[in-house]
Amino acid sequence: MEVPTSRGRLDTLIVYQDQTYVIEIKRWSDAIYYQKGKRQLAAYAKSERLADGFYVVFSSQHQESDTLFEQEEIDGVKIHTYVVRTNFERPSEFSR
């Protein structure tokens, strides 16, 4: 369930041992939507007064050779991005 914040609804808000973490989860559709999600996460993190945010993107478009982790700063918030590949071979297609 998305968590209501002052800037709308956030995918995941974790509070653990007096630390708060925000996680935005998306499905890859295109590069514009991908970048928009990062800006959205930065805004959520700022509204919660956090220095970091975590962005998890599930993608069937990325290959093993693609970069699947990056860090950058957006509007003063450090964004940790993880791309999770979902384009695996089906078990019946594995070579023996």
PDB file of N, CA and C in Angstrom:
ATOM      1  N   MET A   1       0.842  -1.173   0.000  1.00  0.00           N
ATOM      2  CA  MET A   1       0.000   0.000   0.000  1.00  0.00           C
ATOM      3  C   MET A   1       0.891   1.242   0.000  1.00  0.00           C
ATOM      4  N   GLU A   2       0.529   2.196  -0.804  1.00  0.00           N
ATOM      5  CA  GLU A   2       1.303   3.433  -0.846  1.00  0.00           C
ATOM      6  C   GLU A   2       1.031   4.266   0.404  1.00  0.00           C
ATOM      7  N   VAL A   3       2.067   4.963   0.841  1.00  0.00           N
ATOM      8  CA  VAL A   3       2.001   5.770   2.056  1.00  0.00           C
ATOM      9  C   VAL A   3       1.698   7.217   1.680  1.00  0.00           C
ATOM     10  N   PRO A   4       0.691   7.846   2.306  1.00  0.00           N
ATOM     11  CA  PRO A   4       0.438   9.255   2.016  1.00  0.00           C
ATOM     12  C   PRO A   4       1.539  10.139   2.597  1.00  0.00           C
ATOM     13  N   THR A   5       1.993  11.099   1.795  1.00  0.00           N
ATOM     14  CA  THR A   5       2.973  12.084   2.261  1.00  0.00           C
ATOM     15  C   THR A   5       2.448  13.457   1.900  1.00  0.00           C
ATOM     16  N   SER A   6       3.196  14.467   2.259  1.00  0.00           N
ATOM     17  CA  SER A   6       2.772  15.828   1.931  1.00  0.00           C
ATOM     18  C   SER A   6       2.837  16.086   0.427  1.00  0.00           C
ATOM     19  N   ARG A   7       3.531  15.216  -0.338  1.00  0.00           N
ATOM     20  CA  ARG A   7       3.671  15.402  -1.790  1.00  0.00           C
ATOM     21  C   ARG A   7       2.920  14.348  -2.583  1.00  0.00           C
ATOM     22  N   GLY A   8       1.963  13.644  -1.951  1.00  0.00           N
ATOM     23  CA  GLY A   8       1.221  12.615  -2.670  1.00  0.00           C
ATOM     24  C   GLY A   8       1.386  11.273  -1.977  1.00  0.00           C
ATOM     25  N   ARG A   9       1.531  10.220  -2.784  1.00  0.00           N
ATOM     26  CA  ARG A   9       1.627   8.875  -2.227  1.00  0.00           C
ATOM     27  C   ARG A   9       2.976   8.268  -2.578  1.00  0.00           C
ATOM     28  N   LEU A  10       3.600   7.646  -1.603  1.00  0.00           N
ATOM     29  CA  LEU A  10       4.925   7.053  -1.735  1.00  0.00           C
ATOM     30  C   LEU A  10       4.791   5.537  -1.700  1.00  0.00           C
ATOM     31  N   ASP A  11       5.567   4.838  -2.551  1.00  0.00           N
ATOM     32  CA  ASP A  11       5.458   3.381  -2.616  1.00  0.00           C
ATOM     33  C   ASP A  11       5.780   2.713  -1.287  1.00  0.00           C
ATOM     34  N   THR A  12       6.946   2.992  -0.725  1.00  0.00           N
ATOM     35  CA  THR A  12       7.342   2.318   0.513  1.00  0.00           C
ATOM     36  C   THR A  12       8.071   3.275   1.437  1.00  0.00           C
ATOM     37  N   LEU A  13       7.658   3.284   2.671  1.00  0.00           N
ATOM     38  CA  LEU A  13       8.316   4.061   3.716  1.00  0.00           C
ATOM     39  C   LEU A  13       8.641   3.089   4.841  1.00  0.00           C
ATOM     40  N   ILE A  14       9.931   2.936   5.127  1.00  0.00           N
ATOM     41  CA  ILE A  14      10.366   1.995   6.163  1.00  0.00           C
ATOM     42  C   ILE A  14      10.952   2.791   7.317  1.00  0.00           C
ATOM     43  N   VAL A  15      10.494   2.495   8.507  1.00  0.00           N
ATOM     44  CA  VAL A  15      11.066   3.085   9.718  1.00  0.00           C
ATOM     45  C   VAL A  15      11.648   1.930  10.515  1.00  0.00           C
ATOM     46  N   TYR A  16      12.971   1.988  10.732  1.00  0.00           N
ATOM     47  CA  TYR A  16      13.672   0.911  11.416  1.00  0.00           C
ATOM     48  C   TYR A  16      14.743   1.518  12.312  1.00  0.00           C
ATOM     49  N   GLN A  17      14.677   1.217  13.594  1.00  0.00           N
ATOM     50  CA  GLN A  17      15.629   1.710  14.581  1.00  0.00           C
ATOM     51  C   GLN A  17      15.887   3.217  14.427  1.00  0.00           C
ATOM     52  N   ASP A  18      14.832   3.979  14.458  1.00  0.00           N
ATOM     53  CA  ASP A  18      14.883   5.440  14.381  1.00  0.00           C
ATOM     54  C   ASP A  18      15.419   5.971  13.048  1.00  0.00           C
ATOM     55  N   GLN A  19      15.505   5.140  12.031  1.00  0.00           N
ATOM     56  CA  GLN A  19      15.909   5.570  10.696  1.00  0.00           C
ATOM     57  C   GLN A  19      14.712   5.428   9.770  1.00  0.00           C
ATOM     58  N   THR A  20      14.567   6.365   8.844  1.00  0.00           N
ATOM     59  CA  THR A  20      13.484   6.311   7.873  1.00  0.00           C
ATOM     60  C   THR A  20      14.079   6.170   6.479  1.00  0.00           C
ATOM     61  N   TYR A  21      13.501   5.277   5.699  1.00  0.00           N
ATOM     62  CA  TYR A  21      13.946   5.036   4.327  1.00  0.00           C
ATOM     63  C   TYR A  21      12.753   5.167   3.401  1.00  0.00           C
ATOM     64  N   VAL A  22      12.941   5.838   2.258  1.00  0.00           N
ATOM     65  CA  VAL A  22      11.893   5.902   1.243  1.00  0.00           C
ATOM     66  C   VAL A  22      12.351   5.105   0.027  1.00  0.00           C
ATOM     67  N   ILE A  23      11.424   4.317  -0.507  1.00  0.00           N
ATOM     68  CA  ILE A  23      11.715   3.485  -1.670  1.00  0.00           C
ATOM     69  C   ILE A  23      10.616   3.709  -2.693  1.00  0.00           C
ATOM     70  N   GLU A  24      11.003   4.094  -3.874  1.00  0.00           N
ATOM     71  CA  GLU A  24      10.061   4.254  -4.988  1.00  0.00           C
ATOM     72  C   GLU A  24      10.262   3.070  -5.922  1.00  0.00           C
ATOM     73  N   ILE A  25       9.171   2.419  -6.300  1.00  0.00           N
ATOM     74  CA  ILE A  25       9.235   1.230  -7.148  1.00  0.00           C
ATOM     75  C   ILE A  25       8.489   1.518  -8.452  1.00  0.00           C
ATOM     76  N   LYS A  26       9.157   1.219  -9.574  1.00  0.00           N
ATOM     77  CA  LYS A  26       8.555   1.445 -10.895  1.00  0.00           C
ATOM     78  C   LYS A  26       8.839   0.260 -11.799  1.00  0.00           C
ATOM     79  N   ARG A  27       8.091   0.189 -12.861  1.00  0.00           N
ATOM     80  CA  ARG A  27       8.345  -0.742 -13.955  1.00  0.00           C
ATOM     81  C   ARG A  27       8.901   0.078 -15.100  1.00  0.00           C
ATOM     82  N   TRP A  28       9.987  -0.403 -15.731  1.00  0.00           N
ATOM     83  CA  TRP A  28      10.604   0.334 -16.842  1.00  0.00           C
ATOM     84  C   TRP A  28       9.604   0.437 -17.994  1.00  0.00           C
ATOM     85  N   SER A  29       9.408   1.651 -18.476  1.00  0.00           N
ATOM     86  CA  SER A  29       8.630   1.825 -19.704  1.00  0.00           C
ATOM     87  C   SER A  29       9.462   2.570 -20.736  1.00  0.00           C
ATOM     88  N   ASP A  30      10.124   3.635 -20.290  1.00  0.00           N
ATOM     89  CA  ASP A  30      11.046   4.349 -21.177  1.00  0.00           C
ATOM     90  C   ASP A  30      11.933   5.268 -20.341  1.00  0.00           C
ATOM     91  N   ALA A  31      12.932   5.848 -20.993  1.00  0.00           N
ATOM     92  CA  ALA A  31      13.924   6.663 -20.279  1.00  0.00           C
ATOM     93  C   ALA A  31      13.306   7.906 -19.642  1.00  0.00           C
ATOM     94  N   ILE A  32      12.303   8.483 -20.263  1.00  0.00           N
ATOM     95  CA  ILE A  32      11.661   9.684 -19.702  1.00  0.00           C
ATOM     96  C   ILE A  32      10.937   9.337 -18.402  1.00  0.00           C
ATOM     97  N   TYR A  33      10.176   8.266 -18.415  1.00  0.00           N
ATOM     98  CA  TYR A  33       9.448   7.818 -17.225  1.00  0.00           C
ATOM     99  C   TYR A  33      10.435   7.449 -16.112  1.00  0.00           C
ATOM    100  N   TYR A  34      11.547   6.829 -16.478  1.00  0.00           N
ATOM    101  CA  TYR A  34      12.609   6.449 -15.545  1.00  0.00           C
ATOM    102  C   TYR A  34      13.168   7.681 -14.829  1.00  0.00           C
ATOM    103  N   GLN A  35      13.498   8.717 -15.578  1.00  0.00           N
ATOM    104  CA  GLN A  35      14.035   9.947 -14.987  1.00  0.00           C
ATOM    105  C   GLN A  35      12.983  10.669 -14.146  1.00  0.00           C
ATOM    106  N   LYS A  36      11.747  10.646 -14.607  1.00  0.00           N
ATOM    107  CA  LYS A  36      10.660  11.287 -13.856  1.00  0.00           C
ATOM    108  C   LYS A  36      10.510  10.637 -12.477  1.00  0.00           C
ATOM    109  N   GLY A  37      10.670   9.312 -12.420  1.00  0.00           N
ATOM    110  CA  GLY A  37      10.580   8.597 -11.147  1.00  0.00           C
ATOM    111  C   GLY A  37      11.656   9.032 -10.174  1.00  0.00           C
ATOM    112  N   LYS A  38      12.863   9.304 -10.683  1.00  0.00           N
ATOM    113  CA  LYS A  38      13.954   9.774  -9.817  1.00  0.00           C
ATOM    114  C   LYS A  38      13.617  11.138  -9.225  1.00  0.00           C
ATOM    115  N   ARG A  39      13.092  12.024 -10.038  1.00  0.00           N
ATOM    116  CA  ARG A  39      12.725  13.366  -9.546  1.00  0.00           C
ATOM    117  C   ARG A  39      11.585  13.270  -8.527  1.00  0.00           C
ATOM    118  N   GLN A  40      10.652  12.365  -8.797  1.00  0.00           N
ATOM    119  CA  GLN A  40       9.545  12.144  -7.871  1.00  0.00           C
ATOM    120  C   GLN A  40      10.079  11.652  -6.521  1.00  0.00           C
ATOM    121  N   LEU A  41      10.995  10.719  -6.552  1.00  0.00           N
ATOM    122  CA  LEU A  41      11.591  10.196  -5.327  1.00  0.00           C
ATOM    123  C   LEU A  41      12.346  11.281  -4.568  1.00  0.00           C
ATOM    124  N   ALA A  42      13.096  12.106  -5.279  1.00  0.00           N
ATOM    125  CA  ALA A  42      13.832  13.192  -4.632  1.00  0.00           C
ATOM    126  C   ALA A  42      12.863  14.128  -3.905  1.00  0.00           C
ATOM    127  N   ALA A  43      11.746  14.422  -4.532  1.00  0.00           N
ATOM    128  CA  ALA A  43      10.753  15.296  -3.899  1.00  0.00           C
ATOM    129  C   ALA A  43      10.170  14.637  -2.649  1.00  0.00           C
ATOM    130  N   TYR A  44       9.871  13.334  -2.731  1.00  0.00           N
ATOM    131  CA  TYR A  44       9.365  12.621  -1.550  1.00  0.00           C
ATOM    132  C   TYR A  44      10.382  12.650  -0.419  1.00  0.00           C
ATOM    133  N   ALA A  45      11.638  12.346  -0.747  1.00  0.00           N
ATOM    134  CA  ALA A  45      12.681  12.312   0.281  1.00  0.00           C
ATOM    135  C   ALA A  45      12.832  13.683   0.944  1.00  0.00           C
ATOM    136  N   LYS A  46      12.824  14.746   0.145  1.00  0.00           N
ATOM    137  CA  LYS A  46      12.926  16.098   0.710  1.00  0.00           C
ATOM    138  C   LYS A  46      11.748  16.398   1.624  1.00  0.00           C
ATOM    139  N   SER A  47      10.555  15.951   1.239  1.00  0.00           N
ATOM    140  CA  SER A  47       9.375  16.220   2.069  1.00  0.00           C
ATOM    141  C   SER A  47       9.458  15.501   3.411  1.00  0.00           C
ATOM    142  N   GLU A  48      10.207  14.404   3.448  1.00  0.00           N
ATOM    143  CA  GLU A  48      10.409  13.661   4.696  1.00  0.00           C
ATOM    144  C   GLU A  48      11.704  14.068   5.394  1.00  0.00           C
ATOM    145  N   ARG A  49      12.399  15.072   4.831  1.00  0.00           N
ATOM    146  CA  ARG A  49      13.671  15.580   5.362  1.00  0.00           C
ATOM    147  C   ARG A  49      14.760  14.497   5.402  1.00  0.00           C
ATOM    148  N   LEU A  50      14.850  13.737   4.312  1.00  0.00           N
ATOM    149  CA  LEU A  50      15.834  12.662   4.210  1.00  0.00           C
ATOM    150  C   LEU A  50      16.900  13.022   3.187  1.00  0.00           C
ATOM    151  N   ALA A  51      18.111  12.565   3.421  1.00  0.00           N
ATOM    152  CA  ALA A  51      19.227  12.847   2.513  1.00  0.00           C
ATOM    153  C   ALA A  51      19.334  11.819   1.395  1.00  0.00           C
ATOM    154  N   ASP A  52      18.691  10.644   1.566  1.00  0.00           N
ATOM    155  CA  ASP A  52      18.791   9.554   0.599  1.00  0.00           C
ATOM    156  C   ASP A  52      17.414   9.017   0.228  1.00  0.00           C
ATOM    157  N   GLY A  53      17.334   8.455  -0.976  1.00  0.00           N
ATOM    158  CA  GLY A  53      16.145   7.737  -1.417  1.00  0.00           C
ATOM    159  C   GLY A  53      16.576   6.551  -2.257  1.00  0.00           C
ATOM    160  N   PHE A  54      15.746   5.522  -2.288  1.00  0.00           N
ATOM    161  CA  PHE A  54      16.064   4.303  -3.019  1.00  0.00           C
ATOM    162  C   PHE A  54      15.029   4.086  -4.117  1.00  0.00           C
ATOM    163  N   TYR A  55      15.528   3.834  -5.319  1.00  0.00           N
ATOM    164  CA  TYR A  55      14.690   3.715  -6.512  1.00  0.00           C
ATOM    165  C   TYR A  55      14.906   2.327  -7.093  1.00  0.00           C
ATOM    166  N   VAL A  56      13.851   1.528  -7.126  1.00  0.00           N
ATOM    167  CA  VAL A  56      13.928   0.166  -7.653  1.00  0.00           C
ATOM    168  C   VAL A  56      13.061   0.102  -8.900  1.00  0.00           C
ATOM    169  N   VAL A  57      13.699  -0.290 -10.013  1.00  0.00           N
ATOM    170  CA  VAL A  57      13.003  -0.334 -11.300  1.00  0.00           C
ATOM    171  C   VAL A  57      13.094  -1.757 -11.850  1.00  0.00           C
ATOM    172  N   PHE A  58      11.941  -2.355 -12.126  1.00  0.00           N
ATOM    173  CA  PHE A  58      11.900  -3.680 -12.726  1.00  0.00           C
ATOM    174  C   PHE A  58      11.845  -3.521 -14.242  1.00  0.00           C
ATOM    175  N   SER A  59      12.764  -4.214 -14.939  1.00  0.00           N
ATOM    176  CA  SER A  59      12.896  -4.004 -16.379  1.00  0.00           C
ATOM    177  C   SER A  59      13.087  -5.304 -17.148  1.00  0.00           C
ATOM    178  N   SER A  60      12.306  -5.458 -18.200  1.00  0.00           N
ATOM    179  CA  SER A  60      12.516  -6.565 -19.136  1.00  0.00           C
ATOM    180  C   SER A  60      13.343  -6.089 -20.329  1.00  0.00           C
ATOM    181  N   GLN A  61      13.715  -4.804 -20.339  1.00  0.00           N
ATOM    182  CA  GLN A  61      14.464  -4.213 -21.446  1.00  0.00           C
ATOM    183  C   GLN A  61      15.974  -4.235 -21.234  1.00  0.00           C
ATOM    184  N   HIS A  62      16.426  -4.355 -19.998  1.00  0.00           N
ATOM    185  CA  HIS A  62      17.853  -4.304 -19.692  1.00  0.00           C
ATOM    186  C   HIS A  62      18.502  -5.676 -19.854  1.00  0.00           C
ATOM    187  N   GLN A  63      19.744  -5.651 -20.292  1.00  0.00           N
ATOM    188  CA  GLN A  63      20.528  -6.879 -20.488  1.00  0.00           C
ATOM    189  C   GLN A  63      21.576  -6.996 -19.390  1.00  0.00           C
ATOM    190  N   GLU A  64      22.235  -8.139 -19.306  1.00  0.00           N
ATOM    191  CA  GLU A  64      23.267  -8.350 -18.293  1.00  0.00           C
ATOM    192  C   GLU A  64      24.382  -7.323 -18.385  1.00  0.00           C
ATOM    193  N   SER A  65      24.682  -6.875 -19.587  1.00  0.00           N
ATOM    194  CA  SER A  65      25.788  -5.933 -19.779  1.00  0.00           C
ATOM    195  C   SER A  65      25.421  -4.492 -19.410  1.00  0.00           C
ATOM    196  N   ASP A  66      24.159  -4.219 -19.176  1.00  0.00           N
ATOM    197  CA  ASP A  66      23.730  -2.865 -18.822  1.00  0.00           C
ATOM    198  C   ASP A  66      24.082  -2.537 -17.376  1.00  0.00           C
ATOM    199  N   THR A  67      24.246  -1.259 -17.095  1.00  0.00           N
ATOM    200  CA  THR A  67      24.472  -0.808 -15.722  1.00  0.00           C
ATOM    201  C   THR A  67      23.180  -0.989 -14.946  1.00  0.00           C
ATOM    202  N   LEU A  68      23.260  -1.695 -13.830  1.00  0.00           N
ATOM    203  CA  LEU A  68      22.071  -2.002 -13.051  1.00  0.00           C
ATOM    204  C   LEU A  68      22.040  -1.289 -11.701  1.00  0.00           C
ATOM    205  N   PHE A  69      23.073  -0.468 -11.438  1.00  0.00           N
ATOM    206  CA  PHE A  69      23.107   0.312 -10.201  1.00  0.00           C
ATOM    207  C   PHE A  69      23.777   1.639 -10.484  1.00  0.00           C
ATOM    208  N   GLU A  70      23.208   2.704  -9.954  1.00  0.00           N
ATOM    209  CA  GLU A  70      23.848   4.014 -10.063  1.00  0.00           C
ATOM    210  C   GLU A  70      23.437   4.869  -8.881  1.00  0.00           C
ATOM    211  N   GLN A  71      24.271   5.855  -8.595  1.00  0.00           N
ATOM    212  CA  GLN A  71      23.974   6.837  -7.561  1.00  0.00           C
ATOM    213  C   GLN A  71      24.139   8.217  -8.161  1.00  0.00           C
ATOM    214  N   GLU A  72      23.256   9.105  -7.794  1.00  0.00           N
ATOM    215  CA  GLU A  72      23.370  10.490  -8.241  1.00  0.00           C
ATOM    216  C   GLU A  72      22.644  11.378  -7.243  1.00  0.00           C
ATOM    217  N   GLU A  73      22.914  12.653  -7.332  1.00  0.00           N
ATOM    218  CA  GLU A  73      22.248  13.604  -6.461  1.00  0.00           C
ATOM    219  C   GLU A  73      21.259  14.413  -7.284  1.00  0.00           C
ATOM    220  N   ILE A  74      20.033  14.477  -6.789  1.00  0.00           N
ATOM    221  CA  ILE A  74      18.980  15.252  -7.447  1.00  0.00           C
ATOM    222  C   ILE A  74      18.360  16.155  -6.394  1.00  0.00           C
ATOM    223  N   ASP A  75      18.414  17.444  -6.618  1.00  0.00           N
ATOM    224  CA  ASP A  75      17.851  18.431  -5.681  1.00  0.00           C
ATOM    225  C   ASP A  75      18.332  18.215  -4.251  1.00  0.00           C
ATOM    226  N   GLY A  76      19.618  17.875  -4.097  1.00  0.00           N
ATOM    227  CA  GLY A  76      20.195  17.714  -2.781  1.00  0.00           C
ATOM    228  C   GLY A  76      19.921  16.368  -2.126  1.00  0.00           C
ATOM    229  N   VAL A  77      19.303  15.434  -2.858  1.00  0.00           N
ATOM    230  CA  VAL A  77      18.997  14.103  -2.320  1.00  0.00           C
ATOM    231  C   VAL A  77      19.821  13.082  -3.084  1.00  0.00           C
ATOM    232  N   LYS A  78      20.490  12.204  -2.358  1.00  0.00           N
ATOM    233  CA  LYS A  78      21.266  11.144  -2.996  1.00  0.00           C
ATOM    234  C   LYS A  78      20.302  10.016  -3.364  1.00  0.00           C
ATOM    235  N   ILE A  79      20.216   9.725  -4.656  1.00  0.00           N
ATOM    236  CA  ILE A  79      19.318   8.694  -5.164  1.00  0.00           C
ATOM    237  C   ILE A  79      20.137   7.446  -5.487  1.00  0.00           C
ATOM    238  N   HIS A  80      19.762   6.330  -4.882  1.00  0.00           N
ATOM    239  CA  HIS A  80      20.404   5.038  -5.124  1.00  0.00           C
ATOM    240  C   HIS A  80      19.446   4.250  -6.028  1.00  0.00           C
ATOM    241  N   THR A  81      19.840   4.007  -7.264  1.00  0.00           N
ATOM    242  CA  THR A  81      18.966   3.350  -8.231  1.00  0.00           C
ATOM    243  C   THR A  81      19.420   1.921  -8.480  1.00  0.00           C
ATOM    244  N   TYR A  82      18.468   1.011  -8.412  1.00  0.00           N
ATOM    245  CA  TYR A  82      18.707  -0.398  -8.685  1.00  0.00           C
ATOM    246  C   TYR A  82      17.747  -0.835  -9.790  1.00  0.00           C
ATOM    247  N   VAL A  83      18.288  -1.361 -10.887  1.00  0.00           N
ATOM    248  CA  VAL A  83      17.453  -1.908 -11.954  1.00  0.00           C
ATOM    249  C   VAL A  83      17.465  -3.425 -11.794  1.00  0.00           C
ATOM    250  N   VAL A  84      16.294  -4.001 -11.672  1.00  0.00           N
ATOM    251  CA  VAL A  84      16.155  -5.445 -11.497  1.00  0.00           C
ATOM    252  C   VAL A  84      15.678  -6.030 -12.819  1.00  0.00           C
ATOM    253  N   ARG A  85      16.533  -6.841 -13.435  1.00  0.00           N
ATOM    254  CA  ARG A  85      16.185  -7.449 -14.713  1.00  0.00           C
ATOM    255  C   ARG A  85      15.096  -8.500 -14.523  1.00  0.00           C
ATOM    256  N   THR A  86      14.144  -8.518 -15.446  1.00  0.00           N
ATOM    257  CA  THR A  86      13.055  -9.498 -15.385  1.00  0.00           C
ATOM    258  C   THR A  86      12.972 -10.311 -16.670  1.00  0.00           C
ATOM    259  N   ASN A  87      13.964 -10.202 -17.528  1.00  0.00           N
ATOM    260  CA  ASN A  87      13.929 -10.891 -18.825  1.00  0.00           C
ATOM    261  C   ASN A  87      14.801 -12.150 -18.805  1.00  0.00           C
ATOM    262  N   PHE A  88      14.454 -13.083 -17.964  1.00  0.00           N
ATOM    263  CA  PHE A  88      15.220 -14.315 -17.847  1.00  0.00           C
ATOM    264  C   PHE A  88      14.671 -15.375 -18.797  1.00  0.00           C
ATOM    265  N   GLU A  89      15.526 -16.320 -19.151  1.00  0.00           N
ATOM    266  CA  GLU A  89      15.081 -17.430 -19.976  1.00  0.00           C
ATOM    267  C   GLU A  89      14.068 -18.262 -19.196  1.00  0.00           C
ATOM    268  N   ARG A  90      13.130 -18.848 -19.931  1.00  0.00           N
ATOM    269  CA  ARG A  90      12.184 -19.757 -19.294  1.00  0.00           C
ATOM    270  C   ARG A  90      12.909 -21.067 -19.011  1.00  0.00           C
ATOM    271  N   PRO A  91      12.552 -21.746 -17.930  1.00  0.00           N
ATOM    272  CA  PRO A  91      13.245 -22.998 -17.605  1.00  0.00           C
ATOM    273  C   PRO A  91      13.265 -23.998 -18.762  1.00  0.00           C
ATOM    274  N   SER A  92      12.205 -24.051 -19.554  1.00  0.00           N
ATOM    275  CA  SER A  92      12.152 -25.008 -20.652  1.00  0.00           C
ATOM    276  C   SER A  92      13.117 -24.647 -21.781  1.00  0.00           C
ATOM    277  N   GLU A  93      13.637 -23.411 -21.777  1.00  0.00           N
ATOM    278  CA  GLU A  93      14.534 -22.962 -22.829  1.00  0.00           C
ATOM    279  C   GLU A  93      16.004 -23.090 -22.427  1.00  0.00           C
ATOM    280  N   PHE A  94      16.269 -23.512 -21.213  1.00  0.00           N
ATOM    281  CA  PHE A  94      17.657 -23.667 -20.766  1.00  0.00           C
ATOM    282  C   PHE A  94      18.315 -24.794 -21.554  1.00  0.00           C
ATOM    283  N   SER A  95      19.564 -24.600 -21.933  1.00  0.00           N
ATOM    284  CA  SER A  95      20.276 -25.675 -22.602  1.00  0.00           C
ATOM    285  C   SER A  95      20.766 -26.690 -21.586  1.00  0.00           C
ATOM    286  N   ARG A  96      20.860 -27.908 -21.993  1.00  0.00           N
ATOM    287  CA  ARG A  96      21.273 -28.980 -21.072  1.00  0.00           C
ATOM    288  C   ARG A  96      22.704 -29.315 -21.276  1.00  0.00           C
TER     289      ARG A  96
END
